PDB file of N, CA and C in Angstrom:
ATOM      1  N   UNK A   1       0.833  -1.171   0.000  1.00  0.00           N
ATOM      2  CA  UNK A   1       0.000   0.000   0.000  1.00  0.00           C
ATOM      3  C   UNK A   1       0.879   1.236   0.000  1.00  0.00           C
ATOM      4  N   UNK A   2       0.308   2.324  -0.395  1.00  0.00           N
ATOM      5  CA  UNK A   2       1.020   3.595  -0.539  1.00  0.00           C
ATOM      6  C   UNK A   2       0.310   4.645   0.310  1.00  0.00           C
ATOM      7  N   UNK A   3       1.093   5.427   1.061  1.00  0.00           N
ATOM      8  CA  UNK A   3       0.538   6.519   1.858  1.00  0.00           C
ATOM      9  C   UNK A   3       1.149   7.823   1.373  1.00  0.00           C
ATOM     10  N   UNK A   4       0.297   8.792   1.046  1.00  0.00           N
ATOM     11  CA  UNK A   4       0.733  10.095   0.561  1.00  0.00           C
ATOM     12  C   UNK A   4       0.217  11.150   1.530  1.00  0.00           C
ATOM     13  N   UNK A   5       1.130  11.807   2.229  1.00  0.00           N
ATOM     14  CA  UNK A   5       0.769  12.862   3.179  1.00  0.00           C
ATOM     15  C   UNK A   5       1.348  14.176   2.682  1.00  0.00           C
ATOM     16  N   UNK A   6       0.459  15.149   2.416  1.00  0.00           N
ATOM     17  CA  UNK A   6       0.901  16.457   1.917  1.00  0.00           C
ATOM     18  C   UNK A   6       0.801  17.483   3.039  1.00  0.00           C
ATOM     19  N   UNK A   7       1.715  18.451   3.023  1.00  0.00           N
ATOM     20  CA  UNK A   7       1.793  19.463   4.066  1.00  0.00           C
ATOM     21  C   UNK A   7       1.964  20.846   3.444  1.00  0.00           C
ATOM     22  N   UNK A   8       1.312  21.848   4.031  1.00  0.00           N
ATOM     23  CA  UNK A   8       1.547  23.252   3.681  1.00  0.00           C
ATOM     24  C   UNK A   8       2.425  23.836   4.773  1.00  0.00           C
ATOM     25  N   UNK A   9       3.543  24.427   4.372  1.00  0.00           N
ATOM     26  CA  UNK A   9       4.529  24.914   5.330  1.00  0.00           C
ATOM     27  C   UNK A   9       4.943  26.331   4.945  1.00  0.00           C
ATOM     28  N   UNK A  10       4.797  27.263   5.872  1.00  0.00           N
ATOM     29  CA  UNK A  10       5.245  28.640   5.636  1.00  0.00           C
ATOM     30  C   UNK A  10       6.754  28.658   5.417  1.00  0.00           C
ATOM     31  N   UNK A  11       7.221  29.581   4.609  1.00  0.00           N
ATOM     32  CA  UNK A  11       8.648  29.672   4.278  1.00  0.00           C
ATOM     33  C   UNK A  11       9.519  29.774   5.525  1.00  0.00           C
ATOM     34  N   UNK A  12       9.061  30.494   6.535  1.00  0.00           N
ATOM     35  CA  UNK A  12       9.845  30.664   7.748  1.00  0.00           C
ATOM     36  C   UNK A  12       9.991  29.400   8.577  1.00  0.00           C
ATOM     37  N   UNK A  13       9.119  28.417   8.343  1.00  0.00           N
ATOM     38  CA  UNK A  13       9.161  27.152   9.074  1.00  0.00           C
ATOM     39  C   UNK A  13       9.897  26.056   8.315  1.00  0.00           C
ATOM     40  N   UNK A  14      10.339  26.356   7.097  1.00  0.00           N
ATOM     41  CA  UNK A  14      10.868  25.342   6.183  1.00  0.00           C
ATOM     42  C   UNK A  14      11.945  24.462   6.802  1.00  0.00           C
ATOM     43  N   UNK A  15      12.979  25.054   7.364  1.00  0.00           N
ATOM     44  CA  UNK A  15      14.107  24.269   7.866  1.00  0.00           C
ATOM     45  C   UNK A  15      13.710  23.391   9.047  1.00  0.00           C
ATOM     46  N   UNK A  16      12.946  23.960   9.978  1.00  0.00           N
ATOM     47  CA  UNK A  16      12.502  23.181  11.141  1.00  0.00           C
ATOM     48  C   UNK A  16      11.562  22.061  10.695  1.00  0.00           C
ATOM     49  N   UNK A  17      10.652  22.368   9.756  1.00  0.00           N
ATOM     50  CA  UNK A  17       9.721  21.358   9.275  1.00  0.00           C
ATOM     51  C   UNK A  17      10.473  20.221   8.590  1.00  0.00           C
ATOM     52  N   UNK A  18      11.442  20.567   7.775  1.00  0.00           N
ATOM     53  CA  UNK A  18      12.203  19.534   7.077  1.00  0.00           C
ATOM     54  C   UNK A  18      12.869  18.590   8.072  1.00  0.00           C
ATOM     55  N   UNK A  19      13.461  19.124   9.111  1.00  0.00           N
ATOM     56  CA  UNK A  19      14.110  18.285  10.125  1.00  0.00           C
ATOM     57  C   UNK A  19      13.081  17.391  10.819  1.00  0.00           C
ATOM     58  N   UNK A  20      11.923  17.945  11.153  1.00  0.00           N
ATOM     59  CA  UNK A  20      10.871  17.152  11.788  1.00  0.00           C
ATOM     60  C   UNK A  20      10.357  16.058  10.860  1.00  0.00           C
ATOM     61  N   UNK A  21      10.190  16.399   9.583  1.00  0.00           N
ATOM     62  CA  UNK A  21       9.693  15.428   8.615  1.00  0.00           C
ATOM     63  C   UNK A  21      10.703  14.308   8.405  1.00  0.00           C
ATOM     64  N   UNK A  22      11.969  14.644   8.323  1.00  0.00           N
ATOM     65  CA  UNK A  22      13.004  13.620   8.182  1.00  0.00           C
ATOM     66  C   UNK A  22      13.028  12.697   9.403  1.00  0.00           C
ATOM     67  N   UNK A  23      12.857  13.271  10.595  1.00  0.00           N
ATOM     68  CA  UNK A  23      12.838  12.458  11.811  1.00  0.00           C
ATOM     69  C   UNK A  23      11.612  11.540  11.836  1.00  0.00           C
ATOM     70  N   UNK A  24      10.450  12.073  11.460  1.00  0.00           N
ATOM     71  CA  UNK A  24       9.233  11.268  11.421  1.00  0.00           C
ATOM     72  C   UNK A  24       9.368  10.131  10.412  1.00  0.00           C
ATOM     73  N   UNK A  25       9.917  10.450   9.249  1.00  0.00           N
ATOM     74  CA  UNK A  25      10.134   9.420   8.233  1.00  0.00           C
ATOM     75  C   UNK A  25      11.070   8.343   8.761  1.00  0.00           C
ATOM     76  N   UNK A  26      12.112   8.759   9.463  1.00  0.00           N
ATOM     77  CA  UNK A  26      13.053   7.798  10.035  1.00  0.00           C
ATOM     78  C   UNK A  26      12.391   6.855  11.027  1.00  0.00           C
ATOM     79  N   UNK A  27      11.486   7.374  11.844  1.00  0.00           N
ATOM     80  CA  UNK A  27      10.759   6.523  12.793  1.00  0.00           C
ATOM     81  C   UNK A  27       9.864   5.529  12.068  1.00  0.00           C
ATOM     82  N   UNK A  28       9.155   5.993  11.051  1.00  0.00           N
ATOM     83  CA  UNK A  28       8.298   5.099  10.274  1.00  0.00           C
ATOM     84  C   UNK A  28       9.122   4.017   9.581  1.00  0.00           C
ATOM     85  N   UNK A  29      10.275   4.399   9.064  1.00  0.00           N
ATOM     86  CA  UNK A  29      11.123   3.464   8.316  1.00  0.00           C
ATOM     87  C   UNK A  29      11.639   2.319   9.186  1.00  0.00           C
ATOM     88  N   UNK A  30      11.646   2.492  10.489  1.00  0.00           N
ATOM     89  CA  UNK A  30      12.117   1.449  11.402  1.00  0.00           C
ATOM     90  C   UNK A  30      11.042   0.415  11.726  1.00  0.00           C
ATOM     91  N   UNK A  31       9.816   0.657  11.329  1.00  0.00           N
ATOM     92  CA  UNK A  31       8.714  -0.222  11.703  1.00  0.00           C
ATOM     93  C   UNK A  31       8.606  -1.421  10.768  1.00  0.00           C
ATOM     94  N   UNK A  32       8.200  -2.571  11.316  1.00  0.00           N
ATOM     95  CA  UNK A  32       7.993  -3.761  10.475  1.00  0.00           C
ATOM     96  C   UNK A  32       6.965  -3.486   9.391  1.00  0.00           C
ATOM     97  N   UNK A  33       7.218  -3.972   8.206  1.00  0.00           N
ATOM     98  CA  UNK A  33       6.300  -3.805   7.093  1.00  0.00           C
ATOM     99  C   UNK A  33       6.573  -2.594   6.230  1.00  0.00           C
ATOM    100  N   UNK A  34       7.512  -1.726   6.661  1.00  0.00           N
ATOM    101  CA  UNK A  34       7.889  -0.561   5.856  1.00  0.00           C
ATOM    102  C   UNK A  34       8.672  -1.053   4.640  1.00  0.00           C
ATOM    103  N   UNK A  35       8.310  -0.578   3.462  1.00  0.00           N
ATOM    104  CA  UNK A  35       8.975  -0.988   2.220  1.00  0.00           C
ATOM    105  C   UNK A  35       9.878   0.110   1.690  1.00  0.00           C
ATOM    106  N   UNK A  36       9.449   1.364   1.793  1.00  0.00           N
ATOM    107  CA  UNK A  36      10.255   2.475   1.292  1.00  0.00           C
ATOM    108  C   UNK A  36       9.486   3.770   1.398  1.00  0.00           C
ATOM    109  N   UNK A  37      10.183   4.865   1.130  1.00  0.00           N
ATOM    110  CA  UNK A  37       9.504   6.146   1.189  1.00  0.00           C
ATOM    111  C   UNK A  37      10.405   7.278   0.746  1.00  0.00           C
ATOM    112  N   UNK A  38       9.791   8.429   0.512  1.00  0.00           N
ATOM    113  CA  UNK A  38      10.526   9.618   0.091  1.00  0.00           C
ATOM    114  C   UNK A  38       9.867  10.861   0.658  1.00  0.00           C
ATOM    115  N   UNK A  39      10.674  11.905   0.749  1.00  0.00           N
ATOM    116  CA  UNK A  39      10.208  13.232   1.107  1.00  0.00           C
ATOM    117  C   UNK A  39      10.387  14.099  -0.134  1.00  0.00           C
ATOM    118  N   UNK A  40       9.411  14.948  -0.412  1.00  0.00           N
ATOM    119  CA  UNK A  40       9.527  15.820  -1.572  1.00  0.00           C
ATOM    120  C   UNK A  40       8.961  17.194  -1.289  1.00  0.00           C
ATOM    121  N   UNK A  41       9.351  18.130  -2.130  1.00  0.00           N
ATOM    122  CA  UNK A  41       8.819  19.489  -2.062  1.00  0.00           C
ATOM    123  C   UNK A  41       8.392  19.879  -3.466  1.00  0.00           C
ATOM    124  N   UNK A  42       7.242  20.512  -3.583  1.00  0.00           N
ATOM    125  CA  UNK A  42       6.682  20.867  -4.877  1.00  0.00           C
ATOM    126  C   UNK A  42       7.572  21.887  -5.588  1.00  0.00           C
ATOM    127  N   UNK A  43       7.806  21.676  -6.863  1.00  0.00           N
ATOM    128  CA  UNK A  43       8.660  22.573  -7.652  1.00  0.00           C
ATOM    129  C   UNK A  43       8.003  23.914  -7.922  1.00  0.00           C
ATOM    130  N   UNK A  44       6.688  23.930  -8.121  1.00  0.00           N
ATOM    131  CA  UNK A  44       5.987  25.165  -8.448  1.00  0.00           C
ATOM    132  C   UNK A  44       5.520  25.929  -7.213  1.00  0.00           C
ATOM    133  N   UNK A  45       5.298  25.214  -6.121  1.00  0.00           N
ATOM    134  CA  UNK A  45       4.827  25.832  -4.882  1.00  0.00           C
ATOM    135  C   UNK A  45       5.670  25.275  -3.729  1.00  0.00           C
ATOM    136  N   UNK A  46       6.781  25.926  -3.394  1.00  0.00           N
ATOM    137  CA  UNK A  46       7.690  25.390  -2.382  1.00  0.00           C
ATOM    138  C   UNK A  46       7.130  25.353  -0.968  1.00  0.00           C
ATOM    139  N   UNK A  47       5.893  25.819  -0.758  1.00  0.00           N
ATOM    140  CA  UNK A  47       5.274  25.663   0.555  1.00  0.00           C
ATOM    141  C   UNK A  47       4.559  24.317   0.678  1.00  0.00           C
ATOM    142  N   UNK A  48       4.499  23.560  -0.413  1.00  0.00           N
ATOM    143  CA  UNK A  48       3.821  22.264  -0.425  1.00  0.00           C
ATOM    144  C   UNK A  48       4.862  21.141  -0.372  1.00  0.00           C
ATOM    145  N   UNK A  49       4.794  20.333   0.679  1.00  0.00           N
ATOM    146  CA  UNK A  49       5.712  19.209   0.903  1.00  0.00           C
ATOM    147  C   UNK A  49       4.921  17.906   0.878  1.00  0.00           C
ATOM    148  N   UNK A  50       5.624  16.784   0.658  1.00  0.00           N
ATOM    149  CA  UNK A  50       4.965  15.485   0.648  1.00  0.00           C
ATOM    150  C   UNK A  50       5.873  14.437   1.297  1.00  0.00           C
ATOM    151  N   UNK A  51       5.243  13.539   2.013  1.00  0.00           N
ATOM    152  CA  UNK A  51       5.907  12.340   2.517  1.00  0.00           C
ATOM    153  C   UNK A  51       5.153  11.164   1.929  1.00  0.00           C
ATOM    154  N   UNK A  52       5.828  10.334   1.166  1.00  0.00           N
ATOM    155  CA  UNK A  52       5.217   9.118   0.649  1.00  0.00           C
ATOM    156  C   UNK A  52       5.917   7.932   1.298  1.00  0.00           C
ATOM    157  N   UNK A  53       5.124   6.971   1.724  1.00  0.00           N
ATOM    158  CA  UNK A  53       5.682   5.741   2.277  1.00  0.00           C
ATOM    159  C   UNK A  53       4.963   4.566   1.644  1.00  0.00           C
ATOM    160  N   UNK A  54       5.675   3.450   1.546  1.00  0.00           N
ATOM    161  CA  UNK A  54       5.103   2.216   1.015  1.00  0.00           C
ATOM    162  C   UNK A  54       5.185   1.148   2.103  1.00  0.00           C
ATOM    163  N   UNK A  55       4.132   0.354   2.186  1.00  0.00           N
ATOM    164  CA  UNK A  55       3.993  -0.652   3.235  1.00  0.00           C
ATOM    165  C   UNK A  55       3.586  -1.981   2.630  1.00  0.00           C
ATOM    166  N   UNK A  56       3.934  -3.068   3.309  1.00  0.00           N
ATOM    167  CA  UNK A  56       3.557  -4.401   2.825  1.00  0.00           C
ATOM    168  C   UNK A  56       2.042  -4.539   2.718  1.00  0.00           C
ATOM    169  N   UNK A  57       1.320  -3.972   3.690  1.00  0.00           N
ATOM    170  CA  UNK A  57      -0.135  -4.025   3.703  1.00  0.00           C
ATOM    171  C   UNK A  57      -0.652  -2.996   4.699  1.00  0.00           C
ATOM    172  N   UNK A  58      -1.953  -2.766   4.668  1.00  0.00           N
ATOM    173  CA  UNK A  58      -2.543  -1.729   5.506  1.00  0.00           C
ATOM    174  C   UNK A  58      -2.339  -2.017   6.991  1.00  0.00           C
ATOM    175  N   UNK A  59      -2.344  -3.285   7.375  1.00  0.00           N
ATOM    176  CA  UNK A  59      -2.139  -3.637   8.779  1.00  0.00           C
ATOM    177  C   UNK A  59      -0.782  -3.188   9.288  1.00  0.00           C
ATOM    178  N   UNK A  60       0.253  -3.336   8.455  1.00  0.00           N
ATOM    179  CA  UNK A  60       1.595  -2.899   8.859  1.00  0.00           C
ATOM    180  C   UNK A  60       1.617  -1.391   9.081  1.00  0.00           C
ATOM    181  N   UNK A  61       0.963  -0.656   8.215  1.00  0.00           N
ATOM    182  CA  UNK A  61       0.910   0.804   8.363  1.00  0.00           C
ATOM    183  C   UNK A  61       0.169   1.190   9.640  1.00  0.00           C
ATOM    184  N   UNK A  62      -0.966   0.577   9.874  1.00  0.00           N
ATOM    185  CA  UNK A  62      -1.748   0.913  11.067  1.00  0.00           C
ATOM    186  C   UNK A  62      -1.000   0.539  12.345  1.00  0.00           C
ATOM    187  N   UNK A  63      -0.320  -0.587  12.331  1.00  0.00           N
ATOM    188  CA  UNK A  63       0.479  -0.962  13.506  1.00  0.00           C
ATOM    189  C   UNK A  63       1.631   0.007  13.713  1.00  0.00           C
ATOM    190  N   UNK A  64       2.225   0.487  12.615  1.00  0.00           N
ATOM    191  CA  UNK A  64       3.314   1.466  12.739  1.00  0.00           C
ATOM    192  C   UNK A  64       2.801   2.729  13.427  1.00  0.00           C
ATOM    193  N   UNK A  65       1.627   3.204  13.041  1.00  0.00           N
ATOM    194  CA  UNK A  65       1.065   4.402  13.652  1.00  0.00           C
ATOM    195  C   UNK A  65       0.727   4.185  15.124  1.00  0.00           C
ATOM    196  N   UNK A  66       0.496   2.933  15.514  1.00  0.00           N
ATOM    197  CA  UNK A  66       0.142   2.617  16.898  1.00  0.00           C
ATOM    198  C   UNK A  66       1.355   2.469  17.801  1.00  0.00           C
ATOM    199  N   UNK A  67       2.540   2.356  17.232  1.00  0.00           N
ATOM    200  CA  UNK A  67       3.726   2.129  18.062  1.00  0.00           C
ATOM    201  C   UNK A  67       4.025   3.370  18.907  1.00  0.00           C
ATOM    202  N   UNK A  68       4.569   3.150  20.069  1.00  0.00           N
ATOM    203  CA  UNK A  68       4.842   4.237  21.008  1.00  0.00           C
ATOM    204  C   UNK A  68       5.755   5.293  20.390  1.00  0.00           C
ATOM    205  N   UNK A  69       6.865   4.870  19.778  1.00  0.00           N
ATOM    206  CA  UNK A  69       7.822   5.818  19.205  1.00  0.00           C
ATOM    207  C   UNK A  69       7.197   6.676  18.119  1.00  0.00           C
ATOM    208  N   UNK A  70       6.386   6.065  17.273  1.00  0.00           N
ATOM    209  CA  UNK A  70       5.740   6.815  16.187  1.00  0.00           C
ATOM    210  C   UNK A  70       4.667   7.752  16.745  1.00  0.00           C
ATOM    211  N   UNK A  71       3.897   7.273  17.725  1.00  0.00           N
ATOM    212  CA  UNK A  71       2.898   8.155  18.346  1.00  0.00           C
ATOM    213  C   UNK A  71       3.551   9.392  18.947  1.00  0.00           C
ATOM    214  N   UNK A  72       4.692   9.190  19.565  1.00  0.00           N
ATOM    215  CA  UNK A  72       5.379  10.287  20.221  1.00  0.00           C
ATOM    216  C   UNK A  72       6.136  11.186  19.237  1.00  0.00           C
ATOM    217  N   UNK A  73       6.830  10.578  18.267  1.00  0.00           N
ATOM    218  CA  UNK A  73       7.740  11.337  17.422  1.00  0.00           C
ATOM    219  C   UNK A  73       7.289  11.654  16.013  1.00  0.00           C
ATOM    220  N   UNK A  74       6.199  11.028  15.536  1.00  0.00           N
ATOM    221  CA  UNK A  74       5.777  11.259  14.154  1.00  0.00           C
ATOM    222  C   UNK A  74       4.319  11.693  14.033  1.00  0.00           C
ATOM    223  N   UNK A  75       3.441  11.135  14.845  1.00  0.00           N
ATOM    224  CA  UNK A  75       2.015  11.436  14.715  1.00  0.00           C
ATOM    225  C   UNK A  75       1.717  12.927  14.884  1.00  0.00           C
ATOM    226  N   UNK A  76       2.363  13.635  15.827  1.00  0.00           N
ATOM    227  CA  UNK A  76       2.081  15.079  15.910  1.00  0.00           C
ATOM    228  C   UNK A  76       2.362  15.811  14.594  1.00  0.00           C
ATOM    229  N   UNK A  77       3.431  15.450  13.916  1.00  0.00           N
ATOM    230  CA  UNK A  77       3.731  16.069  12.622  1.00  0.00           C
ATOM    231  C   UNK A  77       2.739  15.587  11.560  1.00  0.00           C
ATOM    232  N   UNK A  78       2.446  14.299  11.535  1.00  0.00           N
ATOM    233  CA  UNK A  78       1.524  13.760  10.535  1.00  0.00           C
ATOM    234  C   UNK A  78       0.134  14.374  10.682  1.00  0.00           C
ATOM    235  N   UNK A  79      -0.234  14.775  11.886  1.00  0.00           N
ATOM    236  CA  UNK A  79      -1.546  15.385  12.091  1.00  0.00           C
ATOM    237  C   UNK A  79      -1.642  16.765  11.444  1.00  0.00           C
ATOM    238  N   UNK A  80      -0.520  17.325  11.034  1.00  0.00           N
ATOM    239  CA  UNK A  80      -0.506  18.621  10.345  1.00  0.00           C
ATOM    240  C   UNK A  80      -0.720  18.483   8.834  1.00  0.00           C
ATOM    241  N   UNK A  81      -0.855  17.261   8.353  1.00  0.00           N
ATOM    242  CA  UNK A  81      -1.025  17.032   6.915  1.00  0.00           C
ATOM    243  C   UNK A  81      -2.329  17.638   6.423  1.00  0.00           C
ATOM    244  N   UNK A  82      -2.364  17.962   5.138  1.00  0.00           N
ATOM    245  CA  UNK A  82      -3.582  18.431   4.487  1.00  0.00           C
ATOM    246  C   UNK A  82      -4.668  17.387   4.741  1.00  0.00           C
ATOM    247  N   UNK A  83      -5.858  17.836   5.108  1.00  0.00           N
ATOM    248  CA  UNK A  83      -6.958  16.933   5.447  1.00  0.00           C
ATOM    249  C   UNK A  83      -7.558  16.340   4.176  1.00  0.00           C
ATOM    250  N   UNK A  84      -7.054  15.182   3.803  1.00  0.00           N
ATOM    251  CA  UNK A  84      -7.523  14.462   2.622  1.00  0.00           C
ATOM    252  C   UNK A  84      -7.165  12.997   2.790  1.00  0.00           C
ATOM    253  N   UNK A  85      -7.851  12.096   2.090  1.00  0.00           N
ATOM    254  CA  UNK A  85      -7.480  10.681   2.179  1.00  0.00           C
ATOM    255  C   UNK A  85      -6.018  10.492   1.773  1.00  0.00           C
ATOM    256  N   UNK A  86      -5.302   9.625   2.490  1.00  0.00           N
ATOM    257  CA  UNK A  86      -3.871   9.482   2.225  1.00  0.00           C
ATOM    258  C   UNK A  86      -3.439   8.056   1.916  1.00  0.00           C
ATOM    259  N   UNK A  87      -4.269   7.061   2.176  1.00  0.00           N
ATOM    260  CA  UNK A  87      -3.880   5.668   1.964  1.00  0.00           C
ATOM    261  C   UNK A  87      -4.424   5.172   0.624  1.00  0.00           C
ATOM    262  N   UNK A  88      -3.550   4.569  -0.158  1.00  0.00           N
ATOM    263  CA  UNK A  88      -3.898   4.087  -1.493  1.00  0.00           C
ATOM    264  C   UNK A  88      -3.469   2.636  -1.655  1.00  0.00           C
ATOM    265  N   UNK A  89      -4.260   1.878  -2.381  1.00  0.00           N
ATOM    266  CA  UNK A  89      -3.807   0.558  -2.762  1.00  0.00           C
ATOM    267  C   UNK A  89      -3.022   0.692  -4.064  1.00  0.00           C
ATOM    268  N   UNK A  90      -1.986  -0.108  -4.198  1.00  0.00           N
ATOM    269  CA  UNK A  90      -1.158  -0.075  -5.401  1.00  0.00           C
ATOM    270  C   UNK A  90      -1.871  -0.876  -6.485  1.00  0.00           C
ATOM    271  N   UNK A  91      -2.004  -0.273  -7.657  1.00  0.00           N
ATOM    272  CA  UNK A  91      -2.704  -0.906  -8.772  1.00  0.00           C
ATOM    273  C   UNK A  91      -1.668  -1.326  -9.810  1.00  0.00           C
ATOM    274  N   UNK A  92      -1.584  -2.617 -10.010  1.00  0.00           N
ATOM    275  CA  UNK A  92      -0.674  -3.176 -11.007  1.00  0.00           C
ATOM    276  C   UNK A  92      -1.475  -4.111 -11.896  1.00  0.00           C
ATOM    277  N   UNK A  93      -0.953  -4.478 -13.064  1.00  0.00           N
ATOM    278  CA  UNK A  93      -1.692  -5.391 -13.929  1.00  0.00           C
ATOM    279  C   UNK A  93      -2.096  -6.661 -13.173  1.00  0.00           C
ATOM    280  N   UNK A  94      -3.374  -7.002 -13.265  1.00  0.00           N
ATOM    281  CA  UNK A  94      -3.873  -8.210 -12.635  1.00  0.00           C
ATOM    282  C   UNK A  94      -4.187  -8.086 -11.157  1.00  0.00           C
ATOM    283  N   UNK A  95      -3.964  -6.910 -10.569  1.00  0.00           N
ATOM    284  CA  UNK A  95      -4.244  -6.719  -9.146  1.00  0.00           C
ATOM    285  C   UNK A  95      -5.743  -6.773  -8.896  1.00  0.00           C
ATOM    286  N   UNK A  96      -6.135  -7.518  -7.873  1.00  0.00           N
ATOM    287  CA  UNK A  96      -7.525  -7.516  -7.443  1.00  0.00           C
ATOM    288  C   UNK A  96      -7.673  -6.356  -6.465  1.00  0.00           C
ATOM    289  N   UNK A  97      -8.550  -5.420  -6.789  1.00  0.00           N
ATOM    290  CA  UNK A  97      -8.713  -4.226  -5.969  1.00  0.00           C
ATOM    291  C   UNK A  97      -9.697  -4.463  -4.834  1.00  0.00           C
ATOM    292  N   UNK A  98      -9.565  -3.657  -3.789  1.00  0.00           N
ATOM    293  CA  UNK A  98     -10.521  -3.705  -2.681  1.00  0.00           C
ATOM    294  C   UNK A  98     -11.922  -3.483  -3.203  1.00  0.00           C
ATOM    295  N   UNK A  99     -12.879  -4.082  -2.567  1.00  0.00           N
ATOM    296  CA  UNK A  99     -14.278  -3.882  -2.921  1.00  0.00           C
ATOM    297  C   UNK A  99     -14.695  -2.499  -2.435  1.00  0.00           C
ATOM    298  N   UNK A 100     -15.311  -1.722  -3.319  1.00  0.00           N
ATOM    299  CA  UNK A 100     -15.786  -0.397  -2.930  1.00  0.00           C
ATOM    300  C   UNK A 100     -17.017  -0.558  -2.050  1.00  0.00           C
ATOM    301  N   UNK A 101     -16.915  -0.086  -0.812  1.00  0.00           N
ATOM    302  CA  UNK A 101     -18.044  -0.134   0.106  1.00  0.00           C
ATOM    303  C   UNK A 101     -17.857   0.886   1.196  1.00  0.00           C
ATOM    304  N   UNK A 102     -18.930   1.213   1.878  1.00  0.00           N
ATOM    305  CA  UNK A 102     -18.856   2.126   3.003  1.00  0.00           C
ATOM    306  C   UNK A 102     -18.112   1.438   4.130  1.00  0.00           C
ATOM    307  N   UNK A 103     -17.141   2.160   4.729  1.00  0.00           N
ATOM    308  CA  UNK A 103     -16.329   1.563   5.784  1.00  0.00           C
ATOM    309  C   UNK A 103     -16.946   1.769   7.168  1.00  0.00           C
ATOM    310  N   UNK A 104     -17.960   2.591   7.267  1.00  0.00           N
ATOM    311  CA  UNK A 104     -18.614   2.808   8.556  1.00  0.00           C
ATOM    312  C   UNK A 104     -20.117   2.897   8.336  1.00  0.00           C
ATOM    313  N   UNK A 105     -20.836   2.738   9.387  1.00  0.00           N
ATOM    314  CA  UNK A 105     -22.292   2.778   9.288  1.00  0.00           C
ATOM    315  C   UNK A 105     -22.873   4.149   9.558  1.00  0.00           C
ATOM    316  N   UNK A 106     -22.068   5.055  10.016  1.00  0.00           N
ATOM    317  CA  UNK A 106     -22.689   6.272  10.406  1.00  0.00           C
ATOM    318  C   UNK A 106     -22.185   7.511   9.863  1.00  0.00           C
TER     319      UNK A 106
END
């Protein structure tokens, strides 16, 4: 699975944010099921940053977010992400996709 987290960062916060994002990425990268990831900054709008991570499956990602170190050192930063869906299934030839359905009743 693929997770895309986008952030809006004021120019004056750039250096501190980058250090925090690198640290958060490092914590996530230590968790079981982590496959890879990158940090990026938009070429046309340098206030827009992205953290992409790849995971073996959604359970590995959710367990990573539940770990003490990630809750303490990464979740506060991740909570600053643009409010939009961030988890994606990887679509490759022949991939059976998740069934589209409501995930909650209310």
